[in-house]
N, C-alpha and C. Protein backbone atom coordinates (compact mmCIF):
# COMPACT_ATOMS: atom_id res chain seq x y z
N MET A 1 98.60 100.93 77.93
CA MET A 1 99.70 100.39 78.70
C MET A 1 100.07 99.02 78.13
N THR A 2 101.35 98.77 77.91
CA THR A 2 101.77 97.52 77.29
C THR A 2 102.11 96.42 78.29
N TRP A 3 102.12 96.75 79.57
CA TRP A 3 102.40 95.75 80.60
C TRP A 3 101.33 94.66 80.54
N ARG A 4 101.75 93.43 80.62
CA ARG A 4 100.85 92.27 80.63
C ARG A 4 100.98 91.59 82.00
N PRO A 5 100.18 92.04 82.98
CA PRO A 5 100.34 91.54 84.34
C PRO A 5 100.04 90.05 84.48
N ALA A 6 100.82 89.43 85.35
CA ALA A 6 100.64 88.03 85.72
C ALA A 6 101.03 87.88 87.18
N LEU A 7 100.48 86.88 87.84
CA LEU A 7 100.85 86.64 89.23
C LEU A 7 102.33 86.29 89.31
N SER A 8 102.97 86.82 90.32
CA SER A 8 104.39 86.52 90.54
C SER A 8 104.56 85.05 90.92
N ARG A 9 105.76 84.58 90.72
CA ARG A 9 106.07 83.20 91.11
C ARG A 9 105.82 83.04 92.61
N GLY A 10 105.15 81.98 92.97
CA GLY A 10 104.85 81.72 94.37
C GLY A 10 103.55 82.33 94.85
N VAL A 11 102.87 83.10 94.00
CA VAL A 11 101.59 83.71 94.36
C VAL A 11 100.48 82.92 93.66
N VAL A 12 99.48 82.51 94.42
CA VAL A 12 98.39 81.71 93.88
C VAL A 12 97.06 82.39 94.21
N LEU A 13 96.20 82.49 93.22
CA LEU A 13 94.84 82.98 93.42
C LEU A 13 93.97 81.77 93.69
N HIS A 14 93.23 81.81 94.79
CA HIS A 14 92.43 80.66 95.22
C HIS A 14 91.07 81.15 95.69
N HIS A 15 90.03 80.41 95.34
CA HIS A 15 88.70 80.73 95.87
C HIS A 15 88.39 79.77 97.01
N ASP A 16 88.15 80.32 98.18
CA ASP A 16 87.83 79.54 99.37
C ASP A 16 86.32 79.41 99.45
N ARG A 17 85.80 78.22 99.21
CA ARG A 17 84.35 78.01 99.21
C ARG A 17 83.75 78.16 100.60
N VAL A 18 84.50 77.83 101.62
CA VAL A 18 83.99 77.95 102.99
C VAL A 18 83.76 79.42 103.34
N ARG A 19 84.73 80.26 103.06
CA ARG A 19 84.63 81.69 103.35
C ARG A 19 83.89 82.46 102.27
N GLU A 20 83.66 81.80 101.10
CA GLU A 20 83.09 82.48 99.94
C GLU A 20 83.90 83.73 99.62
N ALA A 21 85.22 83.55 99.56
CA ALA A 21 86.12 84.67 99.31
C ALA A 21 87.28 84.22 98.43
N ASP A 22 87.77 85.16 97.64
CA ASP A 22 88.99 84.92 96.88
C ASP A 22 90.18 85.27 97.76
N LEU A 23 91.22 84.48 97.64
CA LEU A 23 92.42 84.66 98.45
C LEU A 23 93.64 84.70 97.55
N LEU A 24 94.62 85.48 97.95
CA LEU A 24 95.95 85.39 97.34
C LEU A 24 96.81 84.65 98.35
N LEU A 25 97.32 83.52 97.92
CA LEU A 25 98.19 82.73 98.78
C LEU A 25 99.63 83.08 98.44
N LEU A 26 100.31 83.63 99.42
CA LEU A 26 101.69 84.08 99.27
C LEU A 26 102.57 83.28 100.23
N PRO A 27 103.85 83.24 99.98
CA PRO A 27 104.71 82.57 100.95
C PRO A 27 104.53 83.20 102.34
N GLU A 28 104.10 82.38 103.29
CA GLU A 28 103.93 82.79 104.69
C GLU A 28 102.88 83.87 104.90
N ARG A 29 101.92 84.00 103.96
CA ARG A 29 100.91 85.04 104.10
C ARG A 29 99.70 84.69 103.25
N VAL A 30 98.51 85.08 103.73
CA VAL A 30 97.28 84.94 102.97
C VAL A 30 96.61 86.31 102.95
N VAL A 31 96.20 86.73 101.76
CA VAL A 31 95.51 88.01 101.61
C VAL A 31 94.09 87.72 101.17
N VAL A 32 93.10 88.17 101.95
CA VAL A 32 91.70 88.02 101.59
C VAL A 32 91.34 89.16 100.65
N LEU A 33 90.83 88.81 99.48
CA LEU A 33 90.46 89.81 98.48
C LEU A 33 88.99 90.17 98.64
N HIS A 34 88.68 91.43 98.46
CA HIS A 34 87.32 91.91 98.61
C HIS A 34 86.80 92.46 97.28
N GLY A 35 85.49 92.52 97.18
CA GLY A 35 84.87 93.11 96.01
C GLY A 35 85.25 92.39 94.73
N SER A 36 85.62 93.16 93.73
CA SER A 36 85.93 92.60 92.42
C SER A 36 87.42 92.30 92.22
N ALA A 37 88.19 92.29 93.29
CA ALA A 37 89.63 92.05 93.16
C ALA A 37 89.92 90.68 92.55
N GLY A 38 89.18 89.66 92.96
CA GLY A 38 89.39 88.32 92.42
C GLY A 38 89.14 88.26 90.91
N PRO A 39 87.98 88.73 90.45
CA PRO A 39 87.75 88.73 89.00
C PRO A 39 88.79 89.53 88.22
N VAL A 40 89.27 90.62 88.79
CA VAL A 40 90.31 91.40 88.11
C VAL A 40 91.58 90.57 88.00
N LEU A 41 91.99 89.94 89.08
CA LEU A 41 93.23 89.16 89.07
C LEU A 41 93.14 87.91 88.21
N ARG A 42 91.94 87.36 88.03
CA ARG A 42 91.80 86.20 87.14
C ARG A 42 92.15 86.56 85.70
N LEU A 43 92.04 87.83 85.36
CA LEU A 43 92.38 88.27 84.00
C LEU A 43 93.88 88.53 83.84
N CYS A 44 94.61 88.51 84.93
CA CYS A 44 96.06 88.77 84.89
C CYS A 44 96.80 87.47 84.63
N ASP A 45 96.78 87.07 83.37
CA ASP A 45 97.37 85.79 82.99
C ASP A 45 98.64 85.94 82.14
N GLY A 46 99.10 87.19 81.99
CA GLY A 46 100.31 87.43 81.22
C GLY A 46 100.07 87.57 79.73
N THR A 47 98.83 87.38 79.28
CA THR A 47 98.54 87.52 77.85
C THR A 47 97.82 88.82 77.54
N ARG A 48 97.09 89.37 78.51
CA ARG A 48 96.33 90.59 78.30
C ARG A 48 97.10 91.81 78.81
N THR A 49 97.02 92.90 78.06
CA THR A 49 97.58 94.15 78.55
C THR A 49 96.63 94.74 79.58
N VAL A 50 97.10 95.74 80.31
CA VAL A 50 96.23 96.42 81.27
C VAL A 50 95.03 97.02 80.53
N ASP A 51 95.27 97.61 79.36
CA ASP A 51 94.16 98.19 78.60
C ASP A 51 93.14 97.14 78.21
N ALA A 52 93.58 95.94 77.84
CA ALA A 52 92.66 94.86 77.48
C ALA A 52 91.87 94.40 78.71
N ILE A 53 92.52 94.34 79.85
CA ILE A 53 91.84 93.97 81.10
C ILE A 53 90.77 95.00 81.43
N VAL A 54 91.12 96.26 81.32
CA VAL A 54 90.16 97.34 81.60
C VAL A 54 88.99 97.26 80.63
N ALA A 55 89.26 97.01 79.35
CA ALA A 55 88.19 96.92 78.35
C ALA A 55 87.25 95.76 78.66
N GLU A 56 87.82 94.60 79.00
CA GLU A 56 86.99 93.44 79.31
C GLU A 56 86.14 93.68 80.55
N LEU A 57 86.74 94.26 81.58
CA LEU A 57 85.98 94.55 82.79
C LEU A 57 84.91 95.61 82.54
N GLY A 58 85.22 96.57 81.67
CA GLY A 58 84.24 97.60 81.32
C GLY A 58 83.01 97.01 80.65
N GLU A 59 83.21 95.95 79.85
CA GLU A 59 82.07 95.27 79.23
C GLU A 59 81.27 94.48 80.26
N ARG A 60 81.97 93.84 81.20
CA ARG A 60 81.28 93.05 82.23
C ARG A 60 80.53 93.93 83.23
N TYR A 61 81.17 95.04 83.59
CA TYR A 61 80.63 95.92 84.64
C TYR A 61 80.54 97.35 84.09
N PRO A 62 79.55 97.61 83.23
CA PRO A 62 79.51 98.90 82.53
C PRO A 62 79.36 100.13 83.43
N THR A 63 78.84 99.97 84.63
CA THR A 63 78.67 101.14 85.50
C THR A 63 79.81 101.31 86.49
N ALA A 64 80.73 100.37 86.54
CA ALA A 64 81.85 100.45 87.48
C ALA A 64 82.95 101.35 86.92
N PRO A 65 83.67 102.04 87.79
CA PRO A 65 84.75 102.95 87.36
C PRO A 65 86.06 102.21 87.08
N VAL A 66 86.02 101.21 86.21
CA VAL A 66 87.20 100.37 85.97
C VAL A 66 88.35 101.14 85.36
N THR A 67 88.07 102.08 84.47
CA THR A 67 89.13 102.85 83.83
C THR A 67 89.91 103.66 84.85
N ALA A 68 89.22 104.16 85.85
CA ALA A 68 89.87 104.99 86.86
C ALA A 68 90.56 104.17 87.95
N GLU A 69 90.05 102.98 88.24
CA GLU A 69 90.54 102.24 89.40
C GLU A 69 91.46 101.05 89.11
N VAL A 70 91.19 100.32 88.05
CA VAL A 70 91.93 99.07 87.81
C VAL A 70 93.43 99.29 87.56
N PRO A 71 93.84 100.25 86.72
CA PRO A 71 95.28 100.42 86.52
C PRO A 71 96.03 100.72 87.82
N GLY A 72 95.47 101.55 88.68
CA GLY A 72 96.10 101.85 89.96
C GLY A 72 96.15 100.65 90.88
N PHE A 73 95.08 99.87 90.88
CA PHE A 73 95.03 98.65 91.69
C PHE A 73 96.12 97.68 91.25
N LEU A 74 96.24 97.47 89.94
CA LEU A 74 97.27 96.56 89.44
C LEU A 74 98.68 97.09 89.72
N ALA A 75 98.86 98.38 89.59
CA ALA A 75 100.18 98.98 89.88
C ALA A 75 100.53 98.79 91.36
N ALA A 76 99.55 98.92 92.24
CA ALA A 76 99.81 98.73 93.67
C ALA A 76 100.21 97.29 93.96
N LEU A 77 99.56 96.33 93.31
CA LEU A 77 99.93 94.93 93.52
C LEU A 77 101.30 94.61 92.93
N ARG A 78 101.62 95.30 91.85
CA ARG A 78 102.96 95.13 91.27
C ARG A 78 104.02 95.66 92.23
N LYS A 79 103.73 96.79 92.85
CA LYS A 79 104.67 97.39 93.81
C LYS A 79 104.87 96.46 95.02
N GLU A 80 103.82 95.75 95.41
CA GLU A 80 103.92 94.79 96.51
C GLU A 80 104.74 93.55 96.11
N GLY A 81 104.90 93.36 94.79
CA GLY A 81 105.63 92.19 94.31
C GLY A 81 104.74 91.01 94.00
N TRP A 82 103.43 91.22 94.01
CA TRP A 82 102.48 90.13 93.79
C TRP A 82 102.18 89.93 92.31
N LEU A 83 102.47 90.94 91.49
CA LEU A 83 102.32 90.85 90.04
C LEU A 83 103.63 91.16 89.37
N VAL A 84 103.86 90.53 88.23
CA VAL A 84 105.03 90.85 87.40
C VAL A 84 104.56 91.35 86.06
C-alpha cells in the first residue's frame, strides 16, 4: 500500500501520564486508545507507507497479527477523518 498515513490537522497524539494511557485529542473530543493503538499511531508520521509500518511492528511484536489487523485499523481511522 502506498498510502503514507499521518494524523489529520487538529488531531494530536498525547500520552497521559496520570491515566497511563495514550489519547487522541480531537476538536471537542478525546479518544482513549487501548492496547497497541498508540505505538501504531506514533509510526504514522507521513513518511512511512502502511507496508513499512506493518513491517516495523512485525519486528517489534513478532507474535502479534499486525499484517491482518493494522491496515484495517488505519483504514478505519482514515474513514473517521483522524488520519490523512
